[in-house]
N, C-alpha and C. Protein backbone atom coordinates (compact mmCIF):
# COMPACT_ATOMS: atom_id res chain seq x y z
N MET A 1 99.12 74.20 79.12
CA MET A 1 99.40 75.41 78.37
C MET A 1 98.82 76.61 79.13
N THR A 2 99.62 77.62 79.31
CA THR A 2 99.16 78.80 80.06
C THR A 2 98.63 79.85 79.11
N GLY A 3 97.83 80.76 79.68
CA GLY A 3 97.26 81.84 78.88
C GLY A 3 98.29 82.90 78.55
N LYS A 4 97.93 83.75 77.64
CA LYS A 4 98.85 84.82 77.23
C LYS A 4 99.01 85.86 78.33
N ALA A 5 100.22 86.32 78.49
CA ALA A 5 100.57 87.42 79.41
C ALA A 5 100.19 87.14 80.86
N LYS A 6 100.11 85.89 81.23
CA LYS A 6 99.84 85.55 82.62
C LYS A 6 101.12 84.99 83.24
N PRO A 7 101.62 85.64 84.27
CA PRO A 7 102.84 85.09 84.90
C PRO A 7 102.53 83.79 85.62
N LYS A 8 103.50 82.87 85.58
CA LYS A 8 103.29 81.57 86.21
C LYS A 8 103.47 81.65 87.72
N LYS A 9 104.37 82.55 88.18
CA LYS A 9 104.68 82.63 89.60
C LYS A 9 104.70 84.09 90.04
N HIS A 10 104.60 84.29 91.34
CA HIS A 10 104.79 85.62 91.90
C HIS A 10 106.28 85.89 92.00
N THR A 11 106.67 87.11 91.72
CA THR A 11 108.08 87.45 91.81
C THR A 11 108.47 87.68 93.28
N ALA A 12 109.75 87.56 93.56
CA ALA A 12 110.24 87.78 94.93
C ALA A 12 109.98 89.23 95.36
N LYS A 13 110.10 90.15 94.43
CA LYS A 13 109.86 91.56 94.72
C LYS A 13 108.40 91.78 95.13
N GLU A 14 107.49 91.15 94.42
CA GLU A 14 106.06 91.28 94.72
C GLU A 14 105.72 90.68 96.08
N ILE A 15 106.28 89.53 96.38
CA ILE A 15 106.03 88.89 97.67
C ILE A 15 106.59 89.73 98.81
N GLN A 16 107.80 90.27 98.63
CA GLN A 16 108.42 91.12 99.65
C GLN A 16 107.60 92.38 99.87
N ALA A 17 107.06 92.95 98.79
CA ALA A 17 106.23 94.15 98.91
C ALA A 17 104.96 93.86 99.71
N LYS A 18 104.36 92.69 99.49
CA LYS A 18 103.16 92.31 100.24
C LYS A 18 103.47 92.09 101.72
N VAL A 19 104.60 91.45 102.01
CA VAL A 19 105.01 91.23 103.40
C VAL A 19 105.28 92.56 104.09
N ASP A 20 105.98 93.45 103.39
CA ASP A 20 106.30 94.77 103.95
C ASP A 20 105.03 95.57 104.22
N ALA A 21 104.08 95.54 103.29
CA ALA A 21 102.83 96.29 103.47
C ALA A 21 102.01 95.73 104.63
N ALA A 22 102.09 94.42 104.84
CA ALA A 22 101.30 93.80 105.90
C ALA A 22 101.91 94.02 107.28
N LEU A 23 103.24 94.12 107.36
CA LEU A 23 103.89 94.14 108.67
C LEU A 23 104.39 95.51 109.12
N THR A 24 104.45 96.50 108.23
CA THR A 24 104.97 97.81 108.60
C THR A 24 103.84 98.69 109.13
N ASN A 25 104.07 99.34 110.26
CA ASN A 25 103.09 100.24 110.84
C ASN A 25 103.07 101.54 110.05
N ARG A 26 101.98 101.81 109.38
CA ARG A 26 101.84 103.04 108.61
C ARG A 26 101.07 104.11 109.39
N GLY A 27 100.60 103.78 110.57
CA GLY A 27 99.94 104.76 111.42
C GLY A 27 98.45 104.90 111.18
N GLY A 28 97.86 104.05 110.38
CA GLY A 28 96.43 104.16 110.09
C GLY A 28 95.60 103.24 110.96
N GLY A 29 94.29 103.38 110.84
CA GLY A 29 93.37 102.49 111.54
C GLY A 29 93.28 102.77 113.03
N LYS A 30 92.68 101.84 113.74
CA LYS A 30 92.47 102.00 115.17
C LYS A 30 93.78 101.96 115.94
N ALA A 31 94.75 101.16 115.46
CA ALA A 31 96.03 101.04 116.15
C ALA A 31 96.83 102.34 116.11
N GLY A 32 96.67 103.12 115.06
CA GLY A 32 97.43 104.36 114.93
C GLY A 32 96.69 105.60 115.40
N LEU A 33 95.54 105.41 116.04
CA LEU A 33 94.74 106.55 116.47
C LEU A 33 95.47 107.41 117.50
N LEU A 34 96.06 106.80 118.52
CA LEU A 34 96.78 107.57 119.53
C LEU A 34 97.98 108.29 118.93
N ASP A 35 98.60 107.66 117.95
CA ASP A 35 99.74 108.28 117.28
C ASP A 35 99.29 109.52 116.51
N ARG A 36 98.13 109.44 115.85
CA ARG A 36 97.66 110.57 115.05
C ARG A 36 97.20 111.74 115.92
N ILE A 37 96.54 111.44 117.04
CA ILE A 37 96.04 112.55 117.86
C ILE A 37 97.11 113.09 118.79
N GLY A 38 98.19 112.33 118.99
CA GLY A 38 99.34 112.83 119.73
C GLY A 38 99.12 113.01 121.21
N VAL A 39 98.38 112.12 121.85
CA VAL A 39 98.10 112.28 123.27
C VAL A 39 99.19 111.64 124.11
N GLU A 40 99.22 110.31 124.15
CA GLU A 40 100.08 109.61 125.09
C GLU A 40 101.50 109.45 124.58
N LYS A 41 101.66 109.14 123.31
CA LYS A 41 102.96 108.76 122.79
C LYS A 41 103.69 109.91 122.10
N GLY A 42 103.13 111.07 122.05
CA GLY A 42 103.82 112.17 121.37
C GLY A 42 103.30 112.38 119.97
N GLY A 43 103.05 111.32 119.26
CA GLY A 43 102.42 111.37 117.95
C GLY A 43 103.17 112.17 116.90
N HIS A 44 102.75 112.01 115.66
CA HIS A 44 103.34 112.75 114.56
C HIS A 44 102.50 113.96 114.21
N ALA A 45 101.32 114.05 114.78
CA ALA A 45 100.44 115.18 114.52
C ALA A 45 100.81 116.31 115.48
N LYS A 46 101.68 117.19 115.04
CA LYS A 46 102.20 118.22 115.94
C LYS A 46 101.35 119.47 115.95
N TRP A 47 100.90 119.93 114.81
CA TRP A 47 100.18 121.21 114.71
C TRP A 47 98.69 120.99 114.55
N GLU A 48 97.89 121.87 115.17
CA GLU A 48 96.44 121.79 115.11
C GLU A 48 95.89 123.09 114.54
N CYS A 49 94.96 122.97 113.60
CA CYS A 49 94.34 124.14 112.98
C CYS A 49 93.41 124.81 114.00
N PRO A 50 93.54 126.12 114.20
CA PRO A 50 92.67 126.78 115.18
C PRO A 50 91.22 126.91 114.73
N HIS A 51 90.96 126.71 113.44
CA HIS A 51 89.61 126.89 112.91
C HIS A 51 88.80 125.60 112.92
N CYS A 52 89.42 124.48 112.48
CA CYS A 52 88.66 123.23 112.36
C CYS A 52 89.24 122.09 113.19
N LYS A 53 90.33 122.33 113.92
CA LYS A 53 90.95 121.37 114.84
C LYS A 53 91.55 120.15 114.15
N ILE A 54 91.81 120.21 112.86
CA ILE A 54 92.48 119.10 112.19
C ILE A 54 93.97 119.21 112.47
N THR A 55 94.68 118.07 112.48
CA THR A 55 96.10 118.08 112.82
C THR A 55 96.97 117.82 111.60
N ALA A 56 98.21 118.29 111.68
CA ALA A 56 99.19 118.10 110.61
C ALA A 56 100.57 117.93 111.23
N PRO A 57 101.49 117.22 110.54
CA PRO A 57 102.80 116.97 111.12
C PRO A 57 103.76 118.16 111.08
N ASP A 58 103.57 119.08 110.14
CA ASP A 58 104.49 120.22 110.06
C ASP A 58 103.76 121.46 109.58
N VAL A 59 104.45 122.59 109.64
CA VAL A 59 103.83 123.88 109.31
C VAL A 59 103.48 123.95 107.82
N LYS A 60 104.33 123.39 106.97
CA LYS A 60 104.07 123.44 105.53
C LYS A 60 102.78 122.69 105.17
N SER A 61 102.58 121.53 105.77
CA SER A 61 101.35 120.77 105.55
C SER A 61 100.14 121.53 106.07
N MET A 62 100.32 122.21 107.21
CA MET A 62 99.22 122.99 107.76
C MET A 62 98.90 124.18 106.86
N GLN A 63 99.91 124.77 106.25
CA GLN A 63 99.67 125.90 105.35
C GLN A 63 98.92 125.42 104.10
N ILE A 64 99.26 124.24 103.59
CA ILE A 64 98.55 123.68 102.44
C ILE A 64 97.10 123.42 102.81
N HIS A 65 96.87 122.85 104.00
CA HIS A 65 95.50 122.62 104.47
C HIS A 65 94.75 123.94 104.58
N HIS A 66 95.39 124.94 105.16
CA HIS A 66 94.74 126.23 105.39
C HIS A 66 94.36 126.90 104.07
N ASP A 67 95.27 126.86 103.09
CA ASP A 67 94.98 127.47 101.79
C ASP A 67 93.83 126.76 101.08
N ALA A 68 93.70 125.45 101.29
CA ALA A 68 92.64 124.69 100.63
C ALA A 68 91.30 124.81 101.34
N LYS A 69 91.31 124.78 102.67
CA LYS A 69 90.05 124.73 103.43
C LYS A 69 89.57 126.07 103.96
N HIS A 70 90.48 127.02 104.17
CA HIS A 70 90.10 128.32 104.72
C HIS A 70 90.69 129.44 103.85
N PRO A 71 90.30 129.52 102.59
CA PRO A 71 90.95 130.50 101.69
C PRO A 71 90.65 131.96 102.02
N LYS A 72 89.55 132.24 102.69
CA LYS A 72 89.18 133.63 102.98
C LYS A 72 89.86 134.17 104.23
N ILE A 73 90.41 133.27 105.06
CA ILE A 73 91.08 133.69 106.30
C ILE A 73 92.58 133.70 106.03
N PRO A 74 93.28 134.78 106.36
CA PRO A 74 94.74 134.79 106.14
C PRO A 74 95.46 133.81 107.07
N PHE A 75 96.50 133.16 106.55
CA PHE A 75 97.26 132.18 107.32
C PHE A 75 98.22 132.89 108.26
N GLU A 76 98.11 132.59 109.56
CA GLU A 76 98.99 133.17 110.57
C GLU A 76 99.60 132.02 111.36
N GLU A 77 100.92 131.86 111.20
CA GLU A 77 101.61 130.73 111.81
C GLU A 77 101.56 130.77 113.34
N GLU A 78 101.54 131.95 113.92
CA GLU A 78 101.55 132.05 115.38
C GLU A 78 100.23 131.62 116.02
N LYS A 79 99.15 131.49 115.23
CA LYS A 79 97.87 131.05 115.79
C LYS A 79 97.74 129.53 115.83
N LEU A 80 98.68 128.81 115.20
CA LEU A 80 98.62 127.35 115.22
C LEU A 80 98.88 126.84 116.63
N VAL A 81 98.23 125.73 116.97
CA VAL A 81 98.37 125.13 118.29
C VAL A 81 99.41 124.02 118.21
N ASN A 82 100.46 124.11 119.02
CA ASN A 82 101.49 123.08 119.07
C ASN A 82 101.04 122.02 120.07
N LYS A 83 100.63 120.86 119.56
CA LYS A 83 100.11 119.81 120.44
C LYS A 83 101.20 119.15 121.26
N HIS A 84 102.44 119.18 120.81
CA HIS A 84 103.52 118.58 121.60
C HIS A 84 103.87 119.44 122.80
N ALA A 85 103.73 120.75 122.68
CA ALA A 85 104.02 121.63 123.80
C ALA A 85 102.94 121.53 124.88
N SER A 86 101.71 121.25 124.47
CA SER A 86 100.62 121.18 125.45
C SER A 86 100.58 119.83 126.15
N THR A 87 101.22 118.80 125.60
CA THR A 87 101.24 117.48 126.21
C THR A 87 102.40 117.41 127.19
N THR A 88 102.09 117.08 128.43
CA THR A 88 103.15 116.95 129.42
C THR A 88 103.55 115.50 129.50
N ALA A 89 104.77 115.21 129.06
CA ALA A 89 105.27 113.83 129.07
C ALA A 89 106.50 113.76 129.97
N PRO A 90 106.62 112.70 130.76
CA PRO A 90 107.81 112.57 131.60
C PRO A 90 109.05 112.35 130.75
N ALA A 91 110.20 112.70 131.30
CA ALA A 91 111.46 112.59 130.57
C ALA A 91 111.79 111.13 130.27
N GLU A 92 111.61 110.25 131.24
CA GLU A 92 111.89 108.83 131.06
C GLU A 92 110.56 108.08 130.98
N SER A 93 110.07 107.90 129.78
CA SER A 93 108.81 107.20 129.59
C SER A 93 109.07 105.73 129.29
N SER A 94 108.26 104.85 129.87
CA SER A 94 108.43 103.43 129.63
C SER A 94 107.78 103.01 128.31
N LYS A 95 106.90 103.83 127.77
CA LYS A 95 106.23 103.50 126.53
C LYS A 95 107.11 103.88 125.34
N PRO A 96 107.15 103.04 124.32
CA PRO A 96 107.98 103.35 123.15
C PRO A 96 107.38 104.50 122.34
N ARG A 97 108.24 105.26 121.69
CA ARG A 97 107.80 106.35 120.83
C ARG A 97 107.26 105.75 119.53
N PRO A 98 106.41 106.46 118.82
CA PRO A 98 105.84 105.92 117.59
C PRO A 98 106.90 105.69 116.52
N GLY A 99 106.74 104.64 115.76
CA GLY A 99 107.70 104.33 114.72
C GLY A 99 107.01 104.13 113.39
N VAL A 100 106.35 105.13 112.88
CA VAL A 100 105.66 105.04 111.62
C VAL A 100 106.64 105.37 110.51
N ARG A 101 106.78 104.45 109.58
CA ARG A 101 107.75 104.66 108.51
C ARG A 101 107.20 105.51 107.39
N GLY A 102 105.97 105.27 107.00
CA GLY A 102 105.36 106.05 105.94
C GLY A 102 105.77 105.59 104.57
N SER A 103 105.54 106.42 103.60
CA SER A 103 105.79 106.08 102.20
C SER A 103 107.27 106.20 101.86
N LEU A 104 107.69 105.39 100.91
CA LEU A 104 109.05 105.46 100.41
C LEU A 104 109.19 106.53 99.33
N LYS A 105 108.06 106.93 98.72
CA LYS A 105 108.09 107.95 97.68
C LYS A 105 108.25 109.32 98.30
N LYS A 106 109.21 110.06 97.84
CA LYS A 106 109.45 111.41 98.37
C LYS A 106 109.50 112.40 97.24
């Protein structure tokens, strides 16, 4: 006899979600460090804050960061550092580009 409200088996959806979470590169940890800093592989961290050197993937995210962390300094888009422009990468690179999928929630 089983207890109340206890499922007997794991659902296929739950198992698939666990497999997906374990095998999909989300860009975190030590393995995703180069991807986040954007040195060798191009990375997803394109913009760098001129005040605290934190990186963000797009201007809107950088503006949200700036409004939260530097409220007394006015936000000026032209002062942001484009990390992709400063990285010199050959046209035909043998290394694969980053493939971080990220969250499904949008």
